[in-house]
PDB file of N, CA and C in Angstrom:
ATOM      1  N   MET A   1      60.149  23.899  65.519  1.00  0.00           N
ATOM      2  CA  MET A   1      59.590  23.758  64.187  1.00  0.00           C
ATOM      3  C   MET A   1      60.318  24.590  63.248  1.00  0.00           C
ATOM      4  N   ALA A   2      60.684  25.810  63.644  1.00  0.00           N
ATOM      5  CA  ALA A   2      61.365  26.702  62.708  1.00  0.00           C
ATOM      6  C   ALA A   2      62.766  26.137  62.356  1.00  0.00           C
ATOM      7  N   ASP A   3      63.445  25.574  63.366  1.00  0.00           N
ATOM      8  CA  ASP A   3      64.789  25.050  63.150  1.00  0.00           C
ATOM      9  C   ASP A   3      64.752  23.903  62.127  1.00  0.00           C
ATOM     10  N   ARG A   4      63.686  23.145  62.138  1.00  0.00           N
ATOM     11  CA  ARG A   4      63.530  21.973  61.316  1.00  0.00           C
ATOM     12  C   ARG A   4      62.699  22.261  60.070  1.00  0.00           C
ATOM     13  N   GLU A   5      62.253  23.530  59.909  1.00  0.00           N
ATOM     14  CA  GLU A   5      61.491  23.979  58.749  1.00  0.00           C
ATOM     15  C   GLU A   5      60.216  23.062  58.552  1.00  0.00           C
ATOM     16  N   ILE A   6      59.512  22.900  59.673  1.00  0.00           N
ATOM     17  CA  ILE A   6      58.283  22.107  59.648  1.00  0.00           C
ATOM     18  C   ILE A   6      57.118  22.981  59.975  1.00  0.00           C
ATOM     19  N   GLU A   7      56.098  22.982  59.181  1.00  0.00           N
ATOM     20  CA  GLU A   7      54.825  23.704  59.377  1.00  0.00           C
ATOM     21  C   GLU A   7      54.010  22.951  60.363  1.00  0.00           C
ATOM     22  N   TYR A   8      53.077  23.592  61.026  1.00  0.00           N
ATOM     23  CA  TYR A   8      52.238  22.980  62.083  1.00  0.00           C
ATOM     24  C   TYR A   8      51.384  21.854  61.464  1.00  0.00           C
ATOM     25  N   LYS A   9      50.956  22.000  60.198  1.00  0.00           N
ATOM     26  CA  LYS A   9      50.163  20.967  59.607  1.00  0.00           C
ATOM     27  C   LYS A   9      50.974  19.671  59.387  1.00  0.00           C
ATOM     28  N   GLU A  10      52.216  19.852  58.982  1.00  0.00           N
ATOM     29  CA  GLU A  10      53.118  18.658  58.802  1.00  0.00           C
ATOM     30  C   GLU A  10      53.396  18.037  60.223  1.00  0.00           C
ATOM     31  N   LEU A  11      53.606  18.910  61.204  1.00  0.00           N
ATOM     32  CA  LEU A  11      53.843  18.311  62.559  1.00  0.00           C
ATOM     33  C   LEU A  11      52.586  17.554  63.037  1.00  0.00           C
ATOM     34  N   ALA A  12      51.468  18.093  62.723  1.00  0.00           N
ATOM     35  CA  ALA A  12      50.216  17.388  63.091  1.00  0.00           C
ATOM     36  C   ALA A  12      50.133  15.994  62.446  1.00  0.00           C
ATOM     37  N   GLU A  13      50.544  15.904  61.186  1.00  0.00           N
ATOM     38  CA  GLU A  13      50.561  14.641  60.533  1.00  0.00           C
ATOM     39  C   GLU A  13      51.596  13.677  61.153  1.00  0.00           C
ATOM     40  N   LEU A  14      52.734  14.196  61.453  1.00  0.00           N
ATOM     41  CA  LEU A  14      53.799  13.388  62.075  1.00  0.00           C
ATOM     42  C   LEU A  14      53.438  12.876  63.446  1.00  0.00           C
ATOM     43  N   THR A  15      52.677  13.683  64.199  1.00  0.00           N
ATOM     44  CA  THR A  15      52.319  13.271  65.541  1.00  0.00           C
ATOM     45  C   THR A  15      50.967  12.550  65.653  1.00  0.00           C
ATOM     46  N   GLY A  16      50.158  12.709  64.640  1.00  0.00           N
ATOM     47  CA  GLY A  16      48.811  12.129  64.659  1.00  0.00           C
ATOM     48  C   GLY A  16      47.840  12.977  65.473  1.00  0.00           C
ATOM     49  N   MET A  17      48.248  14.228  65.733  1.00  0.00           N
ATOM     50  CA  MET A  17      47.380  15.152  66.445  1.00  0.00           C
ATOM     51  C   MET A  17      46.567  16.044  65.438  1.00  0.00           C
ATOM     52  N   HIS A  18      45.530  16.578  65.929  1.00  0.00           N
ATOM     53  CA  HIS A  18      44.674  17.469  65.105  1.00  0.00           C
ATOM     54  C   HIS A  18      45.493  18.780  64.841  1.00  0.00           C
ATOM     55  N   PRO A  19      45.460  19.324  63.627  1.00  0.00           N
ATOM     56  CA  PRO A  19      46.203  20.532  63.310  1.00  0.00           C
ATOM     57  C   PRO A  19      45.839  21.691  64.232  1.00  0.00           C
ATOM     58  N   GLY A  20      44.582  21.773  64.714  1.00  0.00           N
ATOM     59  CA  GLY A  20      44.154  22.790  65.641  1.00  0.00           C
ATOM     60  C   GLY A  20      44.878  22.697  66.959  1.00  0.00           C
ATOM     61  N   THR A  21      45.059  21.478  67.401  1.00  0.00           N
ATOM     62  CA  THR A  21      45.763  21.258  68.671  1.00  0.00           C
ATOM     63  C   THR A  21      47.223  21.703  68.586  1.00  0.00           C
ATOM     64  N   VAL A  22      47.894  21.327  67.524  1.00  0.00           N
ATOM     65  CA  VAL A  22      49.301  21.708  67.309  1.00  0.00           C
ATOM     66  C   VAL A  22      49.369  23.205  67.197  1.00  0.00           C
ATOM     67  N   SER A  23      48.458  23.870  66.456  1.00  0.00           N
ATOM     68  CA  SER A  23      48.462  25.338  66.340  1.00  0.00           C
ATOM     69  C   SER A  23      48.283  25.993  67.674  1.00  0.00           C
ATOM     70  N   ARG A  24      47.356  25.494  68.483  1.00  0.00           N
ATOM     71  CA  ARG A  24      47.068  26.061  69.792  1.00  0.00           C
ATOM     72  C   ARG A  24      48.303  25.956  70.668  1.00  0.00           C
ATOM     73  N   HIS A  25      48.940  24.775  70.688  1.00  0.00           N
ATOM     74  CA  HIS A  25      50.175  24.614  71.513  1.00  0.00           C
ATOM     75  C   HIS A  25      51.249  25.541  71.031  1.00  0.00           C
ATOM     76  N   ARG A  26      51.372  25.703  69.705  1.00  0.00           N
ATOM     77  CA  ARG A  26      52.450  26.552  69.134  1.00  0.00           C
ATOM     78  C   ARG A  26      52.284  27.994  69.574  1.00  0.00           C
ATOM     79  N   ASN A  27      51.065  28.452  69.754  1.00  0.00           N
ATOM     80  CA  ASN A  27      50.817  29.840  70.064  1.00  0.00           C
ATOM     81  C   ASN A  27      50.647  30.179  71.486  1.00  0.00           C
ATOM     82  N   LEU A  28      50.844  29.195  72.370  1.00  0.00           N
ATOM     83  CA  LEU A  28      50.724  29.428  73.844  1.00  0.00           C
ATOM     84  C   LEU A  28      51.842  30.327  74.297  1.00  0.00           C
ATOM     85  N   LYS A  29      51.549  31.243  75.217  1.00  0.00           N
ATOM     86  CA  LYS A  29      52.580  32.114  75.792  1.00  0.00           C
ATOM     87  C   LYS A  29      53.021  31.579  77.113  1.00  0.00           C
ATOM     88  N   GLU A  30      52.291  30.646  77.694  1.00  0.00           N
ATOM     89  CA  GLU A  30      52.683  30.016  78.984  1.00  0.00           C
ATOM     90  C   GLU A  30      52.322  28.561  78.975  1.00  0.00           C
ATOM     91  N   MET A  31      52.873  27.826  79.889  1.00  0.00           N
ATOM     92  CA  MET A  31      52.693  26.368  79.973  1.00  0.00           C
ATOM     93  C   MET A  31      51.143  26.099  80.221  1.00  0.00           C
ATOM     94  N   PRO A  32      50.652  25.088  79.465  1.00  0.00           N
ATOM     95  CA  PRO A  32      49.248  24.732  79.739  1.00  0.00           C
ATOM     96  C   PRO A  32      49.157  24.104  81.128  1.00  0.00           C
ATOM     97  N   GLU A  33      47.928  24.161  81.677  1.00  0.00           N
ATOM     98  CA  GLU A  33      47.665  23.534  83.064  1.00  0.00           C
ATOM     99  C   GLU A  33      48.049  22.072  82.991  1.00  0.00           C
ATOM    100  N   ARG A  34      47.765  21.435  81.893  1.00  0.00           N
ATOM    101  CA  ARG A  34      47.996  20.003  81.855  1.00  0.00           C
ATOM    102  C   ARG A  34      48.617  19.670  80.446  1.00  0.00           C
ATOM    103  N   LEU A  35      49.792  19.067  80.524  1.00  0.00           N
ATOM    104  CA  LEU A  35      50.460  18.623  79.286  1.00  0.00           C
ATOM    105  C   LEU A  35      50.791  17.155  79.488  1.00  0.00           C
ATOM    106  N   GLU A  36      50.123  16.307  78.693  1.00  0.00           N
ATOM    107  CA  GLU A  36      50.281  14.878  78.787  1.00  0.00           C
ATOM    108  C   GLU A  36      51.676  14.415  78.363  1.00  0.00           C
ATOM    109  N   TYR A  37      52.238  13.463  79.004  1.00  0.00           N
ATOM    110  CA  TYR A  37      53.532  12.886  78.652  1.00  0.00           C
ATOM    111  C   TYR A  37      53.529  12.440  77.198  1.00  0.00           C
ATOM    112  N   GLU A  38      52.472  11.800  76.781  1.00  0.00           N
ATOM    113  CA  GLU A  38      52.366  11.315  75.419  1.00  0.00           C
ATOM    114  C   GLU A  38      52.420  12.425  74.370  1.00  0.00           C
ATOM    115  N   THR A  39      51.856  13.585  74.710  1.00  0.00           N
ATOM    116  CA  THR A  39      51.867  14.755  73.831  1.00  0.00           C
ATOM    117  C   THR A  39      53.320  15.250  73.670  1.00  0.00           C
ATOM    118  N   LEU A  40      54.013  15.389  74.784  1.00  0.00           N
ATOM    119  CA  LEU A  40      55.417  15.845  74.756  1.00  0.00           C
ATOM    120  C   LEU A  40      56.278  14.804  74.009  1.00  0.00           C
ATOM    121  N   GLU A  41      56.053  13.575  74.286  1.00  0.00           N
ATOM    122  CA  GLU A  41      56.815  12.508  73.621  1.00  0.00           C
ATOM    123  C   GLU A  41      56.553  12.489  72.099  1.00  0.00           C
ATOM    124  N   SER A  42      55.366  12.755  71.671  1.00  0.00           N
ATOM    125  CA  SER A  42      55.048  12.799  70.247  1.00  0.00           C
ATOM    126  C   SER A  42      55.781  13.948  69.569  1.00  0.00           C
ATOM    127  N   TYR A  43      55.783  15.142  70.223  1.00  0.00           N
ATOM    128  CA  TYR A  43      56.444  16.257  69.656  1.00  0.00           C
ATOM    129  C   TYR A  43      57.968  15.966  69.600  1.00  0.00           C
ATOM    130  N   CYS A  44      58.523  15.390  70.597  1.00  0.00           N
ATOM    131  CA  CYS A  44      59.985  15.123  70.599  1.00  0.00           C
ATOM    132  C   CYS A  44      60.376  14.118  69.525  1.00  0.00           C
ATOM    133  N   LYS A  45      59.572  13.095  69.389  1.00  0.00           N
ATOM    134  CA  LYS A  45      59.845  12.095  68.329  1.00  0.00           C
ATOM    135  C   LYS A  45      59.748  12.766  66.949  1.00  0.00           C
ATOM    136  N   ALA A  46      58.726  13.503  66.719  1.00  0.00           N
ATOM    137  CA  ALA A  46      58.520  14.138  65.397  1.00  0.00           C
ATOM    138  C   ALA A  46      59.610  15.169  65.076  1.00  0.00           C
ATOM    139  N   LEU A  47      60.059  15.892  66.071  1.00  0.00           N
ATOM    140  CA  LEU A  47      61.086  16.934  65.901  1.00  0.00           C
ATOM    141  C   LEU A  47      62.479  16.466  66.159  1.00  0.00           C
ATOM    142  N   ASN A  48      62.636  15.221  66.577  1.00  0.00           N
ATOM    143  CA  ASN A  48      63.959  14.629  66.843  1.00  0.00           C
ATOM    144  C   ASN A  48      64.675  15.526  67.869  1.00  0.00           C
ATOM    145  N   CYS A  49      64.054  15.681  69.062  1.00  0.00           N
ATOM    146  CA  CYS A  49      64.690  16.581  70.071  1.00  0.00           C
ATOM    147  C   CYS A  49      64.338  15.994  71.412  1.00  0.00           C
ATOM    148  N   GLN A  50      64.821  16.729  72.451  1.00  0.00           N
ATOM    149  CA  GLN A  50      64.585  16.319  73.835  1.00  0.00           C
ATOM    150  C   GLN A  50      63.574  17.302  74.433  1.00  0.00           C
ATOM    151  N   PRO A  51      62.865  16.921  75.533  1.00  0.00           N
ATOM    152  CA  PRO A  51      61.902  17.808  76.133  1.00  0.00           C
ATOM    153  C   PRO A  51      62.491  19.137  76.492  1.00  0.00           C
ATOM    154  N   GLY A  52      63.742  19.226  76.929  1.00  0.00           N
ATOM    155  CA  GLY A  52      64.371  20.460  77.323  1.00  0.00           C
ATOM    156  C   GLY A  52      64.540  21.369  76.114  1.00  0.00           C
ATOM    157  N   ASP A  53      64.489  20.862  74.917  1.00  0.00           N
ATOM    158  CA  ASP A  53      64.604  21.689  73.743  1.00  0.00           C
ATOM    159  C   ASP A  53      63.319  22.424  73.504  1.00  0.00           C
ATOM    160  N   LEU A  54      62.214  21.947  74.051  1.00  0.00           N
ATOM    161  CA  LEU A  54      60.862  22.517  73.830  1.00  0.00           C
ATOM    162  C   LEU A  54      60.395  23.335  75.006  1.00  0.00           C
ATOM    163  N   LEU A  55      60.882  23.016  76.235  1.00  0.00           N
ATOM    164  CA  LEU A  55      60.367  23.707  77.425  1.00  0.00           C
ATOM    165  C   LEU A  55      61.519  24.473  78.081  1.00  0.00           C
ATOM    166  N   VAL A  56      61.157  25.693  78.594  1.00  0.00           N
ATOM    167  CA  VAL A  56      62.099  26.516  79.335  1.00  0.00           C
ATOM    168  C   VAL A  56      61.420  26.926  80.652  1.00  0.00           C
ATOM    169  N   ARG A  57      62.125  26.727  81.796  1.00  0.00           N
ATOM    170  CA  ARG A  57      61.590  27.141  83.088  1.00  0.00           C
ATOM    171  C   ARG A  57      61.825  28.608  83.214  1.00  0.00           C
ATOM    172  N   VAL A  58      60.733  29.324  83.554  1.00  0.00           N
ATOM    173  CA  VAL A  58      60.743  30.766  83.784  1.00  0.00           C
ATOM    174  C   VAL A  58      60.128  31.029  85.154  1.00  0.00           C
ATOM    175  N   GLU A  59      60.908  31.752  85.970  1.00  0.00           N
ATOM    176  CA  GLU A  59      60.334  32.026  87.362  1.00  0.00           C
ATOM    177  C   GLU A  59      59.440  33.244  87.273  1.00  0.00           C
TER     178      GLU A  59
END
C-alpha cells in the first residue's frame, strides 16, 4: 500500500471489502489462520502485484 500510495479506505473500495477488514489485515503481525484465495486475489488485483509481494515466509 505504501509503495502505491494507497490508503486502506481506498483499497477497501478497490477490493469491495469492508474498510475494517482491510485495516485489520494491514495491522496483522502474523498470518491469519484462514486467508481465502479470493481475498488474496482481490488485494493483488487492486495493488497490481503478485501474492509473493504481499506474503513472506518466516520460520
